[in-house]
Amino acid sequence: MDFVCLPVHLIVELDGGQHLDALKYDAVRTSVLEGRGYRVLRFWNDDVLLRTDDVVAEIFRVLELVIKL
């Protein structure tokens, strides 16, 4: 896990090319984390580097949803 915000149970994963070989593992891991009450956001490294504003906007959008609940 790359980043976690414990107060709102949010995990942010940044996936590089190596995750193309681990899609099934990542899906199972995400399912387990969600089963423990976490919301998992996954972003490709390229998106973080090339579309940083969009990634940050999505994280804030989800945070706003979680905080309102």
PDB file of N, CA and C in Angstrom:
ATOM      1  N   MET A   1       0.858  -1.163   0.000  1.00  0.00           N
ATOM      2  CA  MET A   1       0.000   0.000   0.000  1.00  0.00           C
ATOM      3  C   MET A   1       0.898   1.217   0.000  1.00  0.00           C
ATOM      4  N   ASP A   2       0.538   2.164  -0.832  1.00  0.00           N
ATOM      5  CA  ASP A   2       1.389   3.338  -0.993  1.00  0.00           C
ATOM      6  C   ASP A   2       1.039   4.444  -0.001  1.00  0.00           C
ATOM      7  N   PHE A   3      -0.240   4.720   0.133  1.00  0.00           N
ATOM      8  CA  PHE A   3      -0.679   5.765   1.069  1.00  0.00           C
ATOM      9  C   PHE A   3      -1.953   5.299   1.751  1.00  0.00           C
ATOM     10  N   VAL A   4      -2.073   5.634   3.024  1.00  0.00           N
ATOM     11  CA  VAL A   4      -3.297   5.312   3.748  1.00  0.00           C
ATOM     12  C   VAL A   4      -3.668   6.496   4.632  1.00  0.00           C
ATOM     13  N   CYS A   5      -4.960   6.799   4.666  1.00  0.00           N
ATOM     14  CA  CYS A   5      -5.492   7.813   5.563  1.00  0.00           C
ATOM     15  C   CYS A   5      -6.405   7.075   6.534  1.00  0.00           C
ATOM     16  N   LEU A   6      -5.875   6.749   7.698  1.00  0.00           N
ATOM     17  CA  LEU A   6      -6.598   5.927   8.660  1.00  0.00           C
ATOM     18  C   LEU A   6      -7.925   6.523   9.128  1.00  0.00           C
ATOM     19  N   PRO A   7      -7.999   7.837   9.407  1.00  0.00           N
ATOM     20  CA  PRO A   7      -9.267   8.376   9.920  1.00  0.00           C
ATOM     21  C   PRO A   7     -10.460   8.158   8.986  1.00  0.00           C
ATOM     22  N   VAL A   8     -10.216   8.106   7.677  1.00  0.00           N
ATOM     23  CA  VAL A   8     -11.330   7.915   6.741  1.00  0.00           C
ATOM     24  C   VAL A   8     -11.250   6.579   6.008  1.00  0.00           C
ATOM     25  N   HIS A   9     -10.343   5.715   6.421  1.00  0.00           N
ATOM     26  CA  HIS A   9     -10.191   4.379   5.838  1.00  0.00           C
ATOM     27  C   HIS A   9     -10.022   4.431   4.320  1.00  0.00           C
ATOM     28  N   LEU A  10      -9.100   5.265   3.873  1.00  0.00           N
ATOM     29  CA  LEU A  10      -8.835   5.409   2.444  1.00  0.00           C
ATOM     30  C   LEU A  10      -7.406   4.981   2.137  1.00  0.00           C
ATOM     31  N   ILE A  11      -7.270   4.127   1.140  1.00  0.00           N
ATOM     32  CA  ILE A  11      -5.964   3.668   0.677  1.00  0.00           C
ATOM     33  C   ILE A  11      -5.794   4.117  -0.765  1.00  0.00           C
ATOM     34  N   VAL A  12      -4.633   4.679  -1.063  1.00  0.00           N
ATOM     35  CA  VAL A  12      -4.301   5.080  -2.428  1.00  0.00           C
ATOM     36  C   VAL A  12      -3.125   4.232  -2.891  1.00  0.00           C
ATOM     37  N   GLU A  13      -3.346   3.497  -3.968  1.00  0.00           N
ATOM     38  CA  GLU A  13      -2.311   2.644  -4.550  1.00  0.00           C
ATOM     39  C   GLU A  13      -1.838   3.271  -5.852  1.00  0.00           C
ATOM     40  N   LEU A  14      -0.544   3.324  -6.041  1.00  0.00           N
ATOM     41  CA  LEU A  14       0.058   3.808  -7.273  1.00  0.00           C
ATOM     42  C   LEU A  14       0.699   2.616  -7.969  1.00  0.00           C
ATOM     43  N   ASP A  15       0.180   2.276  -9.127  1.00  0.00           N
ATOM     44  CA  ASP A  15       0.599   1.061  -9.808  1.00  0.00           C
ATOM     45  C   ASP A  15       1.490   1.362 -10.996  1.00  0.00           C
ATOM     46  N   GLY A  16       2.631   0.696 -11.027  1.00  0.00           N
ATOM     47  CA  GLY A  16       3.536   0.775 -12.164  1.00  0.00           C
ATOM     48  C   GLY A  16       3.340  -0.418 -13.075  1.00  0.00           C
ATOM     49  N   GLY A  17       4.178  -0.533 -14.073  1.00  0.00           N
ATOM     50  CA  GLY A  17       4.067  -1.602 -15.059  1.00  0.00           C
ATOM     51  C   GLY A  17       4.098  -2.999 -14.485  1.00  0.00           C
ATOM     52  N   GLN A  18       4.774  -3.179 -13.364  1.00  0.00           N
ATOM     53  CA  GLN A  18       4.857  -4.509 -12.763  1.00  0.00           C
ATOM     54  C   GLN A  18       3.486  -5.020 -12.341  1.00  0.00           C
ATOM     55  N   HIS A  19       2.532  -4.124 -12.164  1.00  0.00           N
ATOM     56  CA  HIS A  19       1.194  -4.543 -11.744  1.00  0.00           C
ATOM     57  C   HIS A  19       0.393  -5.171 -12.880  1.00  0.00           C
ATOM     58  N   LEU A  20       0.860  -5.008 -14.113  1.00  0.00           N
ATOM     59  CA  LEU A  20       0.196  -5.687 -15.227  1.00  0.00           C
ATOM     60  C   LEU A  20       0.277  -7.199 -15.075  1.00  0.00           C
ATOM     61  N   ASP A  21       1.327  -7.667 -14.420  1.00  0.00           N
ATOM     62  CA  ASP A  21       1.490  -9.098 -14.179  1.00  0.00           C
ATOM     63  C   ASP A  21       0.828  -9.543 -12.884  1.00  0.00           C
ATOM     64  N   ALA A  22       0.246  -8.599 -12.153  1.00  0.00           N
ATOM     65  CA  ALA A  22      -0.320  -8.928 -10.846  1.00  0.00           C
ATOM     66  C   ALA A  22      -1.763  -8.452 -10.713  1.00  0.00           C
ATOM     67  N   LEU A  23      -2.475  -8.356 -11.814  1.00  0.00           N
ATOM     68  CA  LEU A  23      -3.848  -7.835 -11.769  1.00  0.00           C
ATOM     69  C   LEU A  23      -4.760  -8.680 -10.875  1.00  0.00           C
ATOM     70  N   LYS A  24      -4.633  -9.989 -10.970  1.00  0.00           N
ATOM     71  CA  LYS A  24      -5.471 -10.876 -10.150  1.00  0.00           C
ATOM     72  C   LYS A  24      -5.115 -10.715  -8.668  1.00  0.00           C
ATOM     73  N   TYR A  25      -3.834 -10.691  -8.366  1.00  0.00           N
ATOM     74  CA  TYR A  25      -3.384 -10.498  -6.985  1.00  0.00           C
ATOM     75  C   TYR A  25      -3.890  -9.165  -6.442  1.00  0.00           C
ATOM     76  N   ASP A  26      -3.760  -8.106  -7.243  1.00  0.00           N
ATOM     77  CA  ASP A  26      -4.218  -6.786  -6.808  1.00  0.00           C
ATOM     78  C   ASP A  26      -5.725  -6.772  -6.558  1.00  0.00           C
ATOM     79  N   ALA A  27      -6.486  -7.462  -7.407  1.00  0.00           N
ATOM     80  CA  ALA A  27      -7.941  -7.517  -7.231  1.00  0.00           C
ATOM     81  C   ALA A  27      -8.305  -8.221  -5.932  1.00  0.00           C
ATOM     82  N   VAL A  28      -7.621  -9.308  -5.635  1.00  0.00           N
ATOM     83  CA  VAL A  28      -7.883 -10.035  -4.384  1.00  0.00           C
ATOM     84  C   VAL A  28      -7.492  -9.170  -3.185  1.00  0.00           C
ATOM     85  N   ARG A  29      -6.346  -8.538  -3.270  1.00  0.00           N
ATOM     86  CA  ARG A  29      -5.868  -7.674  -2.186  1.00  0.00           C
ATOM     87  C   ARG A  29      -6.838  -6.524  -1.944  1.00  0.00           C
ATOM     88  N   THR A  30      -7.309  -5.910  -3.019  1.00  0.00           N
ATOM     89  CA  THR A  30      -8.282  -4.827  -2.898  1.00  0.00           C
ATOM     90  C   THR A  30      -9.554  -5.336  -2.242  1.00  0.00           C
ATOM     91  N   SER A  31     -10.009  -6.497  -2.630  1.00  0.00           N
ATOM     92  CA  SER A  31     -11.218  -7.080  -2.051  1.00  0.00           C
ATOM     93  C   SER A  31     -11.057  -7.317  -0.545  1.00  0.00           C
ATOM     94  N   VAL A  32      -9.908  -7.815  -0.156  1.00  0.00           N
ATOM     95  CA  VAL A  32      -9.642  -8.051   1.268  1.00  0.00           C
ATOM     96  C   VAL A  32      -9.646  -6.731   2.034  1.00  0.00           C
ATOM     97  N   LEU A  33      -8.993  -5.729   1.500  1.00  0.00           N
ATOM     98  CA  LEU A  33      -8.947  -4.422   2.161  1.00  0.00           C
ATOM     99  C   LEU A  33     -10.335  -3.804   2.255  1.00  0.00           C
ATOM    100  N   GLU A  34     -11.114  -3.914   1.173  1.00  0.00           N
ATOM    101  CA  GLU A  34     -12.479  -3.399   1.205  1.00  0.00           C
ATOM    102  C   GLU A  34     -13.325  -4.156   2.216  1.00  0.00           C
ATOM    103  N   GLY A  35     -13.074  -5.440   2.355  1.00  0.00           N
ATOM    104  CA  GLY A  35     -13.771  -6.242   3.353  1.00  0.00           C
ATOM    105  C   GLY A  35     -13.461  -5.804   4.774  1.00  0.00           C
ATOM    106  N   ARG A  36     -12.349  -5.132   4.939  1.00  0.00           N
ATOM    107  CA  ARG A  36     -11.964  -4.605   6.253  1.00  0.00           C
ATOM    108  C   ARG A  36     -12.380  -3.147   6.425  1.00  0.00           C
ATOM    109  N   GLY A  37     -13.195  -2.657   5.491  1.00  0.00           N
ATOM    110  CA  GLY A  37     -13.755  -1.325   5.632  1.00  0.00           C
ATOM    111  C   GLY A  37     -12.985  -0.209   4.962  1.00  0.00           C
ATOM    112  N   TYR A  38     -11.988  -0.544   4.169  1.00  0.00           N
ATOM    113  CA  TYR A  38     -11.204   0.475   3.476  1.00  0.00           C
ATOM    114  C   TYR A  38     -11.745   0.699   2.069  1.00  0.00           C
ATOM    115  N   ARG A  39     -11.624   1.911   1.597  1.00  0.00           N
ATOM    116  CA  ARG A  39     -11.888   2.228   0.201  1.00  0.00           C
ATOM    117  C   ARG A  39     -10.518   2.318  -0.460  1.00  0.00           C
ATOM    118  N   VAL A  40     -10.350   1.635  -1.576  1.00  0.00           N
ATOM    119  CA  VAL A  40      -9.058   1.580  -2.257  1.00  0.00           C
ATOM    120  C   VAL A  40      -9.168   2.299  -3.600  1.00  0.00           C
ATOM    121  N   LEU A  41      -8.300   3.268  -3.793  1.00  0.00           N
ATOM    122  CA  LEU A  41      -8.193   3.953  -5.078  1.00  0.00           C
ATOM    123  C   LEU A  41      -6.883   3.527  -5.717  1.00  0.00           C
ATOM    124  N   ARG A  42      -6.950   3.139  -6.985  1.00  0.00           N
ATOM    125  CA  ARG A  42      -5.748   2.734  -7.716  1.00  0.00           C
ATOM    126  C   ARG A  42      -5.534   3.670  -8.889  1.00  0.00           C
ATOM    127  N   PHE A  43      -4.290   4.106  -9.033  1.00  0.00           N
ATOM    128  CA  PHE A  43      -3.915   4.966 -10.144  1.00  0.00           C
ATOM    129  C   PHE A  43      -2.639   4.427 -10.763  1.00  0.00           C
ATOM    130  N   TRP A  44      -2.570   4.481 -12.084  1.00  0.00           N
ATOM    131  CA  TRP A  44      -1.337   4.122 -12.770  1.00  0.00           C
ATOM    132  C   TRP A  44      -0.330   5.240 -12.575  1.00  0.00           C
ATOM    133  N   ASN A  45       0.923   4.888 -12.461  1.00  0.00           N
ATOM    134  CA  ASN A  45       1.988   5.881 -12.301  1.00  0.00           C
ATOM    135  C   ASN A  45       1.935   6.942 -13.404  1.00  0.00           C
ATOM    136  N   ASP A  46       1.680   6.507 -14.643  1.00  0.00           N
ATOM    137  CA  ASP A  46       1.598   7.466 -15.752  1.00  0.00           C
ATOM    138  C   ASP A  46       0.512   8.513 -15.507  1.00  0.00           C
ATOM    139  N   ASP A  47      -0.622   8.082 -14.954  1.00  0.00           N
ATOM    140  CA  ASP A  47      -1.691   9.041 -14.656  1.00  0.00           C
ATOM    141  C   ASP A  47      -1.253  10.030 -13.590  1.00  0.00           C
ATOM    142  N   VAL A  48      -0.549   9.532 -12.588  1.00  0.00           N
ATOM    143  CA  VAL A  48      -0.065  10.419 -11.522  1.00  0.00           C
ATOM    144  C   VAL A  48       0.908  11.445 -12.092  1.00  0.00           C
ATOM    145  N   LEU A  49       1.766  11.009 -12.986  1.00  0.00           N
ATOM    146  CA  LEU A  49       2.781  11.904 -13.550  1.00  0.00           C
ATOM    147  C   LEU A  49       2.233  12.835 -14.631  1.00  0.00           C
ATOM    148  N   LEU A  50       1.324  12.329 -15.453  1.00  0.00           N
ATOM    149  CA  LEU A  50       0.862  13.095 -16.609  1.00  0.00           C
ATOM    150  C   LEU A  50      -0.478  13.797 -16.397  1.00  0.00           C
ATOM    151  N   ARG A  51      -1.271  13.288 -15.474  1.00  0.00           N
ATOM    152  CA  ARG A  51      -2.584  13.857 -15.198  1.00  0.00           C
ATOM    153  C   ARG A  51      -2.767  14.060 -13.694  1.00  0.00           C
ATOM    154  N   THR A  52      -1.772  14.677 -13.116  1.00  0.00           N
ATOM    155  CA  THR A  52      -1.736  14.860 -11.665  1.00  0.00           C
ATOM    156  C   THR A  52      -2.989  15.551 -11.146  1.00  0.00           C
ATOM    157  N   ASP A  53      -3.416  16.599 -11.817  1.00  0.00           N
ATOM    158  CA  ASP A  53      -4.602  17.340 -11.362  1.00  0.00           C
ATOM    159  C   ASP A  53      -5.837  16.447 -11.336  1.00  0.00           C
ATOM    160  N   ASP A  54      -5.981  15.577 -12.322  1.00  0.00           N
ATOM    161  CA  ASP A  54      -7.130  14.669 -12.362  1.00  0.00           C
ATOM    162  C   ASP A  54      -7.080  13.659 -11.212  1.00  0.00           C
ATOM    163  N   VAL A  55      -5.897  13.151 -10.936  1.00  0.00           N
ATOM    164  CA  VAL A  55      -5.735  12.187  -9.839  1.00  0.00           C
ATOM    165  C   VAL A  55      -6.052  12.853  -8.500  1.00  0.00           C
ATOM    166  N   VAL A  56      -5.506  14.023  -8.284  1.00  0.00           N
ATOM    167  CA  VAL A  56      -5.768  14.745  -7.034  1.00  0.00           C
ATOM    168  C   VAL A  56      -7.251  15.070  -6.919  1.00  0.00           C
ATOM    169  N   ALA A  57      -7.873  15.479  -8.017  1.00  0.00           N
ATOM    170  CA  ALA A  57      -9.308  15.790  -7.993  1.00  0.00           C
ATOM    171  C   ALA A  57     -10.127  14.559  -7.614  1.00  0.00           C
ATOM    172  N   GLU A  58      -9.754  13.405  -8.128  1.00  0.00           N
ATOM    173  CA  GLU A  58     -10.479  12.174  -7.791  1.00  0.00           C
ATOM    174  C   GLU A  58     -10.301  11.821  -6.322  1.00  0.00           C
ATOM    175  N   ILE A  59      -9.112  11.975  -5.797  1.00  0.00           N
ATOM    176  CA  ILE A  59      -8.880  11.694  -4.376  1.00  0.00           C
ATOM    177  C   ILE A  59      -9.728  12.631  -3.523  1.00  0.00           C
ATOM    178  N   PHE A  60      -9.747  13.914  -3.855  1.00  0.00           N
ATOM    179  CA  PHE A  60     -10.566  14.861  -3.092  1.00  0.00           C
ATOM    180  C   PHE A  60     -12.052  14.559  -3.242  1.00  0.00           C
ATOM    181  N   ARG A  61     -12.490  14.139  -4.441  1.00  0.00           N
ATOM    182  CA  ARG A  61     -13.898  13.794  -4.645  1.00  0.00           C
ATOM    183  C   ARG A  61     -14.308  12.653  -3.722  1.00  0.00           C
ATOM    184  N   VAL A  62     -13.469  11.636  -3.650  1.00  0.00           N
ATOM    185  CA  VAL A  62     -13.766  10.490  -2.790  1.00  0.00           C
ATOM    186  C   VAL A  62     -13.711  10.896  -1.320  1.00  0.00           C
ATOM    187  N   LEU A  63     -12.737  11.708  -0.948  1.00  0.00           N
ATOM    188  CA  LEU A  63     -12.659  12.180   0.439  1.00  0.00           C
ATOM    189  C   LEU A  63     -13.921  12.942   0.827  1.00  0.00           C
ATOM    190  N   GLU A  64     -14.426  13.783  -0.064  1.00  0.00           N
ATOM    191  CA  GLU A  64     -15.649  14.523   0.224  1.00  0.00           C
ATOM    192  C   GLU A  64     -16.828  13.579   0.424  1.00  0.00           C
ATOM    193  N   LEU A  65     -16.913  12.529  -0.377  1.00  0.00           N
ATOM    194  CA  LEU A  65     -17.979  11.538  -0.220  1.00  0.00           C
ATOM    195  C   LEU A  65     -17.870  10.819   1.123  1.00  0.00           C
ATOM    196  N   VAL A  66     -16.661  10.408   1.455  1.00  0.00           N
ATOM    197  CA  VAL A  66     -16.441   9.652   2.687  1.00  0.00           C
ATOM    198  C   VAL A  66     -16.716  10.516   3.903  1.00  0.00           C
ATOM    199  N   ILE A  67     -16.264  11.745   3.877  1.00  0.00           N
ATOM    200  CA  ILE A  67     -16.437  12.631   5.027  1.00  0.00           C
ATOM    201  C   ILE A  67     -17.895  12.981   5.241  1.00  0.00           C
ATOM    202  N   LYS A  68     -18.682  13.072   4.173  1.00  0.00           N
ATOM    203  CA  LYS A  68     -20.106  13.399   4.279  1.00  0.00           C
ATOM    204  C   LYS A  68     -20.923  12.256   4.832  1.00  0.00           C
ATOM    205  N   LEU A  69     -20.403  11.023   4.725  1.00  0.00           N
ATOM    206  CA  LEU A  69     -21.171   9.867   5.178  1.00  0.00           C
ATOM    207  C   LEU A  69     -21.243   9.760   6.659  1.00  0.00           C
TER     208      LEU A  69
END
